[in-house]
Amino acid sequence: MKRFSFVLMMLILIVDAASAQRRGRVFTSDPDSWISAGIAGFTANGVNDGRSGSTWDFGNSTNLQYSLSVEKTVASGTSLGFAGTYARVPFTYYGPTVPVIPGSGATCNGCDAHLNMSTLVATLHFGSGAGLHQVIDIGAGIVNYSALNRDADGVALAGGNNTDPLFTGGWGLGYGFDDRTQIEFTPEYAIGIHERSGLANRVSNTNGMRSLKVAFRMGFGVRTLRR
């Protein structure tokens, strides 16, 4: 009888402990993670590259920029993650008569060209949920310029494959069709800081970039809390 009572008591304790663990885990309406894809109308002023003695004048023309981000929910309506963008940007290349660094690529003075501009930033995102809500994005990372090619003949121009620090910020509006499906309209501003090597003191080393992004955002999983 004592043995039976002991076994019964142990079973009660095990069940009670399991119930306590279940009570300590709370499911929320927030998704555990987010994936978003977007397209933006993108403008930029340009880059002064002291190493090659060239200027890449983007002319503030509007071009398409594509984006993709992955985020992890850290609090209600708040997520951390990584975002990347890509744009093929037309520009005017102004360079010296002879390349500053032999073998670094061709040069020209006032010729039309294109380059690839890619960014990768760590992001902090505020805003989610059903209905209309505000959206805030803050990010820091890098911007890379590569594949500088002259339009006339496709020849590579000096100054390509250059990576700079990048800081971004944006504020806009989002609309949630439900807790995990939403669309966002976000004006953003970014600053790329180019190296000053070879530049005169009066010459700018920043590339100011503006965009109006439309993004579709999907949530996955269920965020849980421990109490």
Protein backbone atom coordinates (compact mmCIF):
# COMPACT_ATOMS: atom_id res chain seq x y z
CA MET A 1 0.00 0.00 0.00
CA LYS A 2 2.83 2.39 0.88
CA ARG A 3 4.54 1.57 -2.40
CA PHE A 4 1.33 2.27 -4.33
CA SER A 5 0.87 5.62 -2.51
CA PHE A 6 4.45 6.59 -3.32
CA VAL A 7 4.00 5.81 -7.05
CA LEU A 8 0.72 7.75 -7.11
CA MET A 9 2.34 10.74 -5.45
CA MET A 10 5.20 10.71 -7.97
CA LEU A 11 2.73 10.63 -10.88
CA ILE A 12 0.86 13.62 -9.43
CA LEU A 13 4.11 15.57 -9.07
CA ILE A 14 5.16 14.79 -12.67
CA VAL A 15 1.78 15.87 -14.08
CA ASP A 16 1.82 19.04 -11.99
CA ALA A 17 5.34 19.91 -13.19
CA ALA A 18 4.36 19.36 -16.82
CA SER A 19 1.30 21.59 -16.38
CA ALA A 20 3.45 24.30 -14.86
CA GLN A 21 5.77 24.19 -17.88
CA ARG A 22 2.82 24.48 -20.24
CA ARG A 23 1.50 27.46 -18.29
CA GLY A 24 4.94 29.11 -18.63
CA ARG A 25 4.80 29.13 -22.44
CA VAL A 26 2.47 31.71 -24.02
CA PHE A 27 1.65 31.85 -27.73
CA THR A 28 1.23 35.30 -29.29
CA SER A 29 -0.36 36.50 -32.53
CA ASP A 30 3.05 37.71 -33.81
CA PRO A 31 4.83 35.64 -36.49
CA ASP A 32 8.20 34.26 -35.42
CA SER A 33 9.91 35.47 -38.63
CA TRP A 34 9.29 37.61 -41.71
CA ILE A 35 10.30 37.54 -45.37
CA SER A 36 9.69 40.53 -47.62
CA ALA A 37 10.34 41.41 -51.26
CA GLY A 38 10.09 44.86 -52.74
CA ILE A 39 10.71 47.18 -55.66
CA ALA A 40 11.62 50.85 -55.44
CA GLY A 41 12.05 53.95 -57.56
CA PHE A 42 15.66 54.83 -56.75
CA THR A 43 17.75 57.99 -57.27
CA ALA A 44 21.33 58.89 -56.27
CA ASN A 45 23.75 61.75 -56.89
CA GLY A 46 27.02 59.88 -57.55
CA VAL A 47 30.50 58.93 -56.38
CA ASN A 48 33.83 60.74 -56.51
CA ASP A 49 36.52 58.04 -56.63
CA GLY A 50 39.97 59.37 -55.76
CA ARG A 51 41.77 56.09 -56.47
CA SER A 52 40.88 56.16 -60.16
CA GLY A 53 40.57 59.96 -60.39
CA SER A 54 37.03 59.55 -61.73
CA THR A 55 33.51 60.75 -60.99
CA TRP A 56 30.45 58.56 -61.49
CA ASP A 57 27.58 60.97 -62.05
CA PHE A 58 24.21 59.28 -61.49
CA GLY A 59 22.41 62.52 -62.37
CA ASN A 60 19.58 61.88 -59.86
CA SER A 61 17.81 59.83 -62.52
CA THR A 62 15.14 57.41 -61.32
CA ASN A 63 15.85 53.69 -61.74
CA LEU A 64 14.46 50.44 -60.38
CA GLN A 65 15.92 48.85 -57.25
CA TYR A 66 14.98 45.35 -56.05
CA SER A 67 15.07 44.30 -52.40
CA LEU A 68 14.77 41.20 -50.23
CA SER A 69 14.84 40.90 -46.43
CA VAL A 70 14.68 38.23 -43.73
CA GLU A 71 13.78 39.19 -40.14
CA LYS A 72 13.29 37.64 -36.71
CA THR A 73 10.61 39.01 -34.36
CA VAL A 74 12.13 40.22 -31.08
CA ALA A 75 9.11 42.06 -29.62
CA SER A 76 5.54 42.83 -30.62
CA GLY A 77 5.76 44.76 -33.89
CA THR A 78 9.58 44.81 -33.81
CA SER A 79 12.03 42.63 -35.75
CA LEU A 80 15.75 42.35 -36.47
CA GLY A 81 17.22 40.99 -39.68
CA PHE A 82 19.16 41.48 -42.89
CA ALA A 83 18.13 43.22 -46.11
CA GLY A 84 19.76 43.33 -49.52
CA THR A 85 19.13 45.43 -52.64
CA TYR A 86 20.27 45.41 -56.25
CA ALA A 87 20.10 48.04 -59.01
CA ARG A 88 21.69 48.34 -62.44
CA VAL A 89 22.42 52.06 -62.55
CA PRO A 90 23.11 54.20 -65.65
CA PHE A 91 25.64 57.00 -65.11
CA THR A 92 28.10 59.31 -66.81
CA TYR A 93 31.79 58.53 -66.24
CA TYR A 94 34.27 61.39 -66.02
CA GLY A 95 37.87 60.23 -65.82
CA PRO A 96 41.42 61.37 -66.61
CA THR A 97 42.98 61.03 -70.05
CA VAL A 98 45.21 58.19 -68.85
CA PRO A 99 44.22 55.70 -66.08
CA VAL A 100 45.70 56.65 -62.71
CA ILE A 101 46.50 53.01 -61.96
CA PRO A 102 47.79 51.08 -65.02
CA GLY A 103 45.74 47.97 -65.71
CA SER A 104 42.85 49.07 -63.48
CA GLY A 105 40.50 49.55 -66.41
CA ALA A 106 39.72 52.00 -69.20
CA THR A 107 38.90 55.67 -68.79
CA CYS A 108 36.88 58.29 -70.65
CA ASN A 109 35.67 61.83 -70.10
CA GLY A 110 31.90 62.14 -70.19
CA CYS A 111 30.93 58.75 -71.61
CA ASP A 112 27.70 56.87 -70.82
CA ALA A 113 28.08 53.74 -68.69
CA HIS A 114 26.29 51.35 -66.31
CA LEU A 115 27.27 49.77 -62.99
CA ASN A 116 25.85 47.27 -60.52
CA MET A 117 25.01 48.70 -57.11
CA SER A 118 24.28 46.17 -54.33
CA THR A 119 23.70 46.73 -50.62
CA LEU A 120 23.60 44.49 -47.56
CA VAL A 121 22.48 45.94 -44.21
CA ALA A 122 21.45 44.79 -40.75
CA THR A 123 17.96 46.18 -40.13
CA LEU A 124 15.69 47.12 -37.25
CA HIS A 125 12.05 47.18 -38.35
CA PHE A 126 9.12 48.66 -36.43
CA GLY A 127 5.51 48.14 -37.45
CA SER A 128 3.22 45.19 -38.18
CA GLY A 129 -0.29 43.91 -37.56
CA ALA A 130 -3.70 44.03 -39.19
CA GLY A 131 -4.99 47.32 -40.59
CA LEU A 132 -3.18 50.60 -41.22
CA HIS A 133 0.01 51.24 -39.23
CA GLN A 134 3.26 53.20 -39.43
CA VAL A 135 6.52 51.60 -40.51
CA ILE A 136 10.06 52.60 -39.45
CA ASP A 137 13.25 51.03 -40.82
CA ILE A 138 16.81 51.67 -39.59
CA GLY A 139 19.85 49.93 -41.08
CA ALA A 140 23.64 49.90 -41.31
CA GLY A 141 25.88 47.88 -43.61
CA ILE A 142 27.70 48.16 -46.92
CA VAL A 143 27.16 49.28 -50.52
CA ASN A 144 29.16 47.73 -53.36
CA TYR A 145 29.77 49.21 -56.82
CA SER A 146 30.88 46.73 -59.47
CA ALA A 147 30.84 45.98 -63.21
CA LEU A 148 31.46 49.55 -64.39
CA ASN A 149 31.07 49.15 -68.14
CA ARG A 150 31.11 51.72 -70.94
CA ASP A 151 27.86 51.58 -72.93
CA ALA A 152 29.49 52.04 -76.33
CA ASP A 153 31.65 48.91 -76.27
CA GLY A 154 31.16 47.20 -72.88
CA VAL A 155 34.76 47.86 -71.81
CA ALA A 156 35.40 47.79 -68.04
CA LEU A 157 36.12 51.22 -66.56
CA ALA A 158 38.59 51.99 -63.76
CA GLY A 159 37.22 52.14 -60.20
CA GLY A 160 35.00 49.07 -60.12
CA ASN A 161 34.41 46.58 -57.27
CA ASN A 162 34.44 49.21 -54.55
CA THR A 163 32.71 48.72 -51.16
CA ASP A 164 31.69 51.53 -48.78
CA PRO A 165 29.90 51.84 -45.40
CA LEU A 166 26.16 52.53 -45.72
CA PHE A 167 23.53 53.93 -43.34
CA THR A 168 19.80 53.83 -44.10
CA GLY A 169 16.54 55.06 -42.61
CA GLY A 170 12.92 55.17 -43.66
CA TRP A 171 9.44 56.02 -42.43
CA GLY A 172 6.20 55.08 -44.13
CA LEU A 173 2.87 53.32 -43.91
CA GLY A 174 1.88 49.67 -43.93
CA TYR A 175 -1.42 47.88 -44.31
CA GLY A 176 -1.94 44.44 -42.83
CA PHE A 177 -4.52 42.21 -44.48
CA ASP A 178 -4.13 40.09 -41.31
CA ASP A 179 -1.46 39.56 -38.63
CA ARG A 180 1.06 38.04 -41.06
CA THR A 181 0.35 39.44 -44.53
CA GLN A 182 1.00 43.07 -45.27
CA ILE A 183 2.08 45.63 -47.85
CA GLU A 184 4.32 48.60 -47.07
CA PHE A 185 5.00 51.97 -48.75
CA THR A 186 8.25 53.41 -47.39
CA PRO A 187 10.26 56.47 -48.50
CA GLU A 188 13.89 55.77 -47.56
CA TYR A 189 17.13 57.73 -47.46
CA ALA A 190 20.63 56.26 -47.43
CA ILE A 191 24.16 57.64 -47.27
CA GLY A 192 27.17 55.78 -48.68
CA ILE A 193 30.51 57.06 -47.36
CA HIS A 194 33.30 56.68 -49.94
CA GLU A 195 36.99 56.74 -48.99
CA ARG A 196 38.70 60.14 -49.17
CA SER A 197 41.98 58.79 -50.57
CA GLY A 198 43.01 60.92 -53.55
CA LEU A 199 40.20 63.48 -53.09
CA ALA A 200 40.65 67.21 -52.55
CA ASN A 201 39.24 68.59 -49.28
CA ARG A 202 36.37 70.37 -51.02
CA VAL A 203 35.22 67.26 -52.91
CA SER A 204 32.31 65.30 -51.43
CA ASN A 205 32.83 61.66 -50.48
CA THR A 206 29.17 60.86 -49.80
CA ASN A 207 26.58 59.37 -52.11
CA GLY A 208 23.07 60.40 -51.08
CA MET A 209 20.40 57.93 -52.17
CA ARG A 210 16.61 58.26 -52.04
CA SER A 211 13.95 55.70 -52.83
CA LEU A 212 10.23 55.01 -52.58
CA LYS A 213 9.81 51.31 -51.86
CA VAL A 214 6.76 49.10 -52.15
CA ALA A 215 7.23 45.80 -50.33
CA PHE A 216 5.10 42.72 -49.74
CA ARG A 217 5.77 41.14 -46.32
CA MET A 218 4.86 37.64 -45.12
CA GLY A 219 5.10 36.25 -41.59
CA PHE A 220 5.89 32.63 -40.70
CA GLY A 221 5.69 30.57 -37.52
CA VAL A 222 4.34 31.65 -34.13
CA ARG A 223 6.27 33.69 -31.60
CA THR A 224 6.16 32.31 -28.06
CA LEU A 225 6.95 33.88 -24.69
CA ARG A 226 8.18 32.33 -21.45
CA ARG A 227 6.63 33.41 -18.15
